[in-house]
Amino acid sequence: VSTQSTGSSGINAEYGVYTDIYNSYITKIEGYICTRLQDLHPNFQMEVLLNLIKSRKDEVDPELFDTLASFADFMLFKENILNYKSQKDNEMGEFPSLVVTSLACGLPKS
């Protein structure tokens, strides 16, 4: 029983991390998009835009549609993050944890 609860809490902790990232991402992206569109069109409403995009899905670039749809789909968002992380890990080779960036280079000394 103990092993199952540890595994389950590990899953819940991982889920919570992605939920926090997702919520932050949505807040920032949606806030930015809404602000910019309201600057351009003072009567802009996100619901109207989303309904318009859904009704004209065949007229919207598929990659753009998937990106916009991912805003409302946590599991799709998580899948995209994990795919991106996997790609980055593969690009770095066998020792991704050994990559070090020095921030001290070129900084003025106090």
N, C-alpha and C. Protein backbone atom coordinates (compact mmCIF):
# COMPACT_ATOMS: atom_id res chain seq x y z
N VAL A 1 0.83 -1.20 0.00
CA VAL A 1 0.00 0.00 0.00
C VAL A 1 0.87 1.25 0.00
N SER A 2 1.95 1.23 0.77
CA SER A 2 2.84 2.38 0.85
C SER A 2 3.44 2.74 -0.50
N THR A 3 3.85 1.73 -1.28
CA THR A 3 4.44 1.97 -2.59
C THR A 3 3.42 2.64 -3.51
N GLN A 4 2.19 2.18 -3.45
CA GLN A 4 1.16 2.76 -4.31
C GLN A 4 0.89 4.21 -3.95
N SER A 5 0.83 4.51 -2.69
CA SER A 5 0.55 5.90 -2.32
C SER A 5 1.73 6.80 -2.66
N THR A 6 2.97 6.30 -2.55
CA THR A 6 4.13 7.10 -2.94
C THR A 6 4.09 7.38 -4.43
N GLY A 7 3.82 6.32 -5.22
CA GLY A 7 3.71 6.51 -6.67
C GLY A 7 2.60 7.46 -7.01
N SER A 8 1.48 7.31 -6.35
CA SER A 8 0.34 8.18 -6.62
C SER A 8 0.64 9.62 -6.27
N SER A 9 1.30 9.84 -5.13
CA SER A 9 1.63 11.21 -4.75
C SER A 9 2.66 11.80 -5.71
N GLY A 10 3.57 10.93 -6.21
CA GLY A 10 4.53 11.39 -7.22
C GLY A 10 3.82 11.84 -8.47
N ILE A 11 2.81 11.08 -8.87
CA ILE A 11 2.02 11.45 -10.05
C ILE A 11 1.27 12.75 -9.78
N ASN A 12 0.68 12.86 -8.59
CA ASN A 12 -0.05 14.08 -8.24
C ASN A 12 0.88 15.29 -8.19
N ALA A 13 2.11 15.09 -7.68
CA ALA A 13 3.07 16.19 -7.62
C ALA A 13 3.45 16.62 -9.02
N GLU A 14 3.71 15.63 -9.91
CA GLU A 14 4.06 15.95 -11.29
C GLU A 14 2.89 16.67 -11.96
N TYR A 15 1.69 16.18 -11.75
CA TYR A 15 0.49 16.81 -12.31
C TYR A 15 0.38 18.24 -11.81
N GLY A 16 0.65 18.45 -10.52
CA GLY A 16 0.57 19.78 -9.94
C GLY A 16 1.58 20.74 -10.54
N VAL A 17 2.79 20.25 -10.81
CA VAL A 17 3.82 21.09 -11.43
C VAL A 17 3.36 21.55 -12.80
N TYR A 18 2.85 20.60 -13.61
CA TYR A 18 2.40 20.96 -14.95
C TYR A 18 1.16 21.85 -14.90
N THR A 19 0.32 21.63 -13.90
CA THR A 19 -0.87 22.48 -13.74
C THR A 19 -0.45 23.91 -13.43
N ASP A 20 0.54 24.08 -12.55
CA ASP A 20 1.03 25.41 -12.22
C ASP A 20 1.64 26.10 -13.45
N ILE A 21 2.45 25.34 -14.20
CA ILE A 21 3.06 25.90 -15.42
C ILE A 21 1.97 26.28 -16.41
N TYR A 22 1.00 25.40 -16.58
CA TYR A 22 -0.10 25.64 -17.52
C TYR A 22 -0.89 26.89 -17.14
N ASN A 23 -1.25 27.00 -15.87
CA ASN A 23 -2.02 28.16 -15.42
C ASN A 23 -1.26 29.46 -15.62
N SER A 24 0.03 29.44 -15.31
CA SER A 24 0.86 30.63 -15.51
C SER A 24 0.94 30.98 -17.00
N TYR A 25 1.16 29.97 -17.81
CA TYR A 25 1.24 30.15 -19.26
C TYR A 25 -0.05 30.76 -19.81
N ILE A 26 -1.18 30.18 -19.42
CA ILE A 26 -2.48 30.66 -19.91
C ILE A 26 -2.71 32.10 -19.48
N THR A 27 -2.44 32.40 -18.24
CA THR A 27 -2.64 33.75 -17.72
C THR A 27 -1.81 34.77 -18.50
N LYS A 28 -0.54 34.44 -18.71
CA LYS A 28 0.35 35.37 -19.41
C LYS A 28 0.01 35.50 -20.89
N ILE A 29 -0.17 34.39 -21.57
CA ILE A 29 -0.45 34.42 -23.01
C ILE A 29 -1.80 35.05 -23.29
N GLU A 30 -2.82 34.59 -22.58
CA GLU A 30 -4.16 35.14 -22.80
C GLU A 30 -4.20 36.62 -22.44
N GLY A 31 -3.54 36.98 -21.35
CA GLY A 31 -3.49 38.38 -20.95
C GLY A 31 -2.83 39.25 -22.01
N TYR A 32 -1.72 38.76 -22.54
CA TYR A 32 -1.01 39.50 -23.58
C TYR A 32 -1.87 39.64 -24.84
N ILE A 33 -2.44 38.53 -25.28
CA ILE A 33 -3.27 38.56 -26.49
C ILE A 33 -4.46 39.49 -26.31
N CYS A 34 -5.15 39.35 -25.19
CA CYS A 34 -6.32 40.20 -24.93
C CYS A 34 -5.95 41.68 -24.87
N THR A 35 -4.87 41.98 -24.18
CA THR A 35 -4.44 43.38 -24.05
C THR A 35 -4.13 43.97 -25.41
N ARG A 36 -3.34 43.24 -26.20
CA ARG A 36 -2.96 43.74 -27.53
C ARG A 36 -4.17 43.90 -28.44
N LEU A 37 -5.07 42.92 -28.42
CA LEU A 37 -6.25 43.01 -29.28
C LEU A 37 -7.20 44.11 -28.80
N GLN A 38 -7.30 44.31 -27.49
CA GLN A 38 -8.15 45.38 -26.98
C GLN A 38 -7.56 46.75 -27.29
N ASP A 39 -6.23 46.84 -27.36
CA ASP A 39 -5.60 48.08 -27.78
C ASP A 39 -5.98 48.41 -29.23
N LEU A 40 -6.00 47.37 -30.06
CA LEU A 40 -6.33 47.56 -31.48
C LEU A 40 -7.83 47.69 -31.73
N HIS A 41 -8.61 46.93 -30.95
CA HIS A 41 -10.07 46.91 -31.11
C HIS A 41 -10.70 46.98 -29.73
N PRO A 42 -11.09 48.17 -29.27
CA PRO A 42 -11.59 48.34 -27.90
C PRO A 42 -12.77 47.44 -27.51
N ASN A 43 -13.56 46.98 -28.48
CA ASN A 43 -14.71 46.12 -28.17
C ASN A 43 -14.38 44.63 -28.27
N PHE A 44 -13.10 44.30 -28.34
CA PHE A 44 -12.69 42.91 -28.51
C PHE A 44 -13.14 42.05 -27.33
N GLN A 45 -13.63 40.83 -27.67
CA GLN A 45 -13.99 39.83 -26.66
C GLN A 45 -13.39 38.49 -27.07
N MET A 46 -12.64 37.86 -26.18
CA MET A 46 -11.96 36.61 -26.48
C MET A 46 -12.95 35.51 -26.87
N GLU A 47 -14.08 35.42 -26.19
CA GLU A 47 -15.08 34.39 -26.52
C GLU A 47 -15.52 34.49 -27.97
N VAL A 48 -15.74 35.70 -28.44
CA VAL A 48 -16.16 35.91 -29.83
C VAL A 48 -15.07 35.42 -30.78
N LEU A 49 -13.81 35.75 -30.49
CA LEU A 49 -12.70 35.31 -31.33
C LEU A 49 -12.61 33.78 -31.35
N LEU A 50 -12.70 33.15 -30.19
CA LEU A 50 -12.59 31.69 -30.13
C LEU A 50 -13.72 31.01 -30.89
N ASN A 51 -14.93 31.54 -30.77
CA ASN A 51 -16.06 30.97 -31.52
C ASN A 51 -15.87 31.16 -33.02
N LEU A 52 -15.35 32.31 -33.41
CA LEU A 52 -15.09 32.57 -34.83
C LEU A 52 -14.04 31.61 -35.38
N ILE A 53 -12.98 31.40 -34.61
CA ILE A 53 -11.93 30.47 -35.04
C ILE A 53 -12.48 29.05 -35.15
N LYS A 54 -13.28 28.63 -34.17
CA LYS A 54 -13.86 27.29 -34.21
C LYS A 54 -14.78 27.13 -35.42
N SER A 55 -15.55 28.14 -35.70
CA SER A 55 -16.50 28.04 -36.83
C SER A 55 -15.80 28.08 -38.18
N ARG A 56 -14.58 28.59 -38.22
CA ARG A 56 -13.82 28.68 -39.48
C ARG A 56 -12.52 27.88 -39.40
N LYS A 57 -12.57 26.78 -38.68
CA LYS A 57 -11.38 25.96 -38.46
C LYS A 57 -10.68 25.61 -39.77
N ASP A 58 -11.44 25.34 -40.82
CA ASP A 58 -10.85 24.95 -42.10
C ASP A 58 -10.14 26.11 -42.80
N GLU A 59 -10.34 27.34 -42.32
CA GLU A 59 -9.69 28.51 -42.91
C GLU A 59 -8.46 28.97 -42.12
N VAL A 60 -8.21 28.31 -41.00
CA VAL A 60 -7.10 28.70 -40.13
C VAL A 60 -5.95 27.71 -40.32
N ASP A 61 -4.71 28.22 -40.37
CA ASP A 61 -3.54 27.37 -40.48
C ASP A 61 -3.59 26.30 -39.38
N PRO A 62 -3.44 25.02 -39.73
CA PRO A 62 -3.55 23.95 -38.73
C PRO A 62 -2.62 24.10 -37.53
N GLU A 63 -1.39 24.54 -37.76
CA GLU A 63 -0.45 24.70 -36.65
C GLU A 63 -0.92 25.82 -35.71
N LEU A 64 -1.42 26.91 -36.28
CA LEU A 64 -1.94 28.01 -35.47
C LEU A 64 -3.16 27.54 -34.68
N PHE A 65 -4.05 26.80 -35.35
CA PHE A 65 -5.24 26.30 -34.67
C PHE A 65 -4.85 25.39 -33.51
N ASP A 66 -3.89 24.48 -33.72
CA ASP A 66 -3.45 23.58 -32.65
C ASP A 66 -2.87 24.36 -31.48
N THR A 67 -2.10 25.40 -31.79
CA THR A 67 -1.52 26.24 -30.74
C THR A 67 -2.62 26.93 -29.95
N LEU A 68 -3.57 27.52 -30.64
CA LEU A 68 -4.67 28.20 -29.96
C LEU A 68 -5.52 27.21 -29.17
N ALA A 69 -5.75 26.04 -29.74
CA ALA A 69 -6.56 25.02 -29.06
C ALA A 69 -5.85 24.52 -27.81
N SER A 70 -4.51 24.50 -27.84
CA SER A 70 -3.77 24.01 -26.68
C SER A 70 -3.96 24.91 -25.46
N PHE A 71 -4.35 26.16 -25.68
CA PHE A 71 -4.61 27.06 -24.55
C PHE A 71 -5.72 26.51 -23.67
N ALA A 72 -6.68 25.82 -24.27
CA ALA A 72 -7.83 25.34 -23.52
C ALA A 72 -7.74 23.86 -23.18
N ASP A 73 -6.64 23.19 -23.56
CA ASP A 73 -6.52 21.74 -23.36
C ASP A 73 -5.25 21.43 -22.57
N PHE A 74 -5.41 21.18 -21.28
CA PHE A 74 -4.27 20.93 -20.41
C PHE A 74 -3.44 19.75 -20.88
N MET A 75 -4.08 18.64 -21.23
CA MET A 75 -3.33 17.44 -21.62
C MET A 75 -2.54 17.69 -22.91
N LEU A 76 -3.09 18.42 -23.84
CA LEU A 76 -2.36 18.77 -25.06
C LEU A 76 -1.18 19.66 -24.72
N PHE A 77 -1.39 20.62 -23.84
CA PHE A 77 -0.31 21.49 -23.39
C PHE A 77 0.81 20.67 -22.77
N LYS A 78 0.47 19.77 -21.85
CA LYS A 78 1.46 18.94 -21.18
C LYS A 78 2.22 18.09 -22.21
N GLU A 79 1.50 17.51 -23.14
CA GLU A 79 2.13 16.71 -24.19
C GLU A 79 3.12 17.54 -25.00
N ASN A 80 2.73 18.77 -25.35
CA ASN A 80 3.62 19.66 -26.10
C ASN A 80 4.88 20.00 -25.29
N ILE A 81 4.73 20.25 -24.01
CA ILE A 81 5.87 20.56 -23.15
C ILE A 81 6.81 19.36 -23.06
N LEU A 82 6.25 18.17 -22.87
CA LEU A 82 7.09 16.97 -22.78
C LEU A 82 7.79 16.68 -24.10
N ASN A 83 7.10 16.89 -25.22
CA ASN A 83 7.73 16.69 -26.53
C ASN A 83 8.87 17.68 -26.73
N TYR A 84 8.65 18.93 -26.37
CA TYR A 84 9.68 19.96 -26.49
C TYR A 84 10.89 19.61 -25.62
N LYS A 85 10.61 19.21 -24.38
CA LYS A 85 11.69 18.83 -23.46
C LYS A 85 12.47 17.65 -24.02
N SER A 86 11.79 16.66 -24.55
CA SER A 86 12.45 15.50 -25.13
C SER A 86 13.33 15.89 -26.31
N GLN A 87 12.83 16.77 -27.17
CA GLN A 87 13.61 17.24 -28.31
C GLN A 87 14.87 17.96 -27.83
N LYS A 88 14.73 18.83 -26.85
CA LYS A 88 15.87 19.57 -26.32
C LYS A 88 16.88 18.63 -25.68
N ASP A 89 16.41 17.63 -24.94
CA ASP A 89 17.30 16.66 -24.32
C ASP A 89 18.06 15.87 -25.38
N ASN A 90 17.37 15.50 -26.45
CA ASN A 90 18.03 14.76 -27.54
C ASN A 90 19.06 15.61 -28.26
N GLU A 91 18.79 16.89 -28.42
CA GLU A 91 19.74 17.79 -29.08
C GLU A 91 21.01 17.96 -28.26
N MET A 92 20.89 17.84 -26.95
CA MET A 92 22.04 18.07 -26.08
C MET A 92 22.91 16.82 -25.94
N GLY A 93 22.47 15.68 -26.41
CA GLY A 93 23.27 14.47 -26.34
C GLY A 93 23.08 13.71 -25.05
N GLU A 94 24.08 12.90 -24.73
CA GLU A 94 23.98 11.99 -23.59
C GLU A 94 24.12 12.67 -22.23
N PHE A 95 24.75 13.83 -22.14
CA PHE A 95 25.04 14.44 -20.86
C PHE A 95 24.41 15.83 -20.71
N PRO A 96 23.08 15.92 -20.82
CA PRO A 96 22.47 17.25 -20.74
C PRO A 96 22.68 17.93 -19.40
N SER A 97 22.88 17.17 -18.33
CA SER A 97 23.05 17.80 -17.02
C SER A 97 24.43 18.42 -16.85
N LEU A 98 25.36 18.13 -17.78
CA LEU A 98 26.71 18.66 -17.67
C LEU A 98 26.90 19.99 -18.39
N VAL A 99 25.85 20.49 -19.03
CA VAL A 99 25.96 21.76 -19.74
C VAL A 99 25.92 22.88 -18.71
N VAL A 100 26.96 23.71 -18.69
CA VAL A 100 27.07 24.79 -17.72
C VAL A 100 27.27 26.10 -18.46
N THR A 101 26.54 27.09 -18.06
CA THR A 101 26.72 28.42 -18.64
C THR A 101 27.23 29.34 -17.55
N SER A 102 28.35 29.97 -17.80
CA SER A 102 28.92 30.87 -16.81
C SER A 102 28.35 32.26 -17.02
N LEU A 103 27.80 32.81 -15.99
CA LEU A 103 27.27 34.16 -16.04
C LEU A 103 28.32 35.18 -15.59
N ALA A 104 29.43 34.69 -15.06
CA ALA A 104 30.45 35.58 -14.52
C ALA A 104 31.29 36.22 -15.62
N CYS A 105 31.36 35.61 -16.80
CA CYS A 105 32.18 36.14 -17.88
C CYS A 105 31.68 37.52 -18.30
N GLY A 106 32.57 38.46 -18.31
CA GLY A 106 32.23 39.77 -18.82
C GLY A 106 31.47 40.67 -17.86
N LEU A 107 31.18 40.19 -16.66
CA LEU A 107 30.48 41.04 -15.71
C LEU A 107 31.47 41.97 -15.03
N PRO A 108 31.09 43.21 -14.84
CA PRO A 108 32.00 44.14 -14.16
C PRO A 108 32.20 43.71 -12.71
N LYS A 109 33.42 43.85 -12.23
CA LYS A 109 33.72 43.50 -10.84
C LYS A 109 33.42 44.69 -9.94
N SER A 110 32.87 44.39 -8.79
CA SER A 110 32.49 45.44 -7.84
C SER A 110 33.69 45.99 -7.13
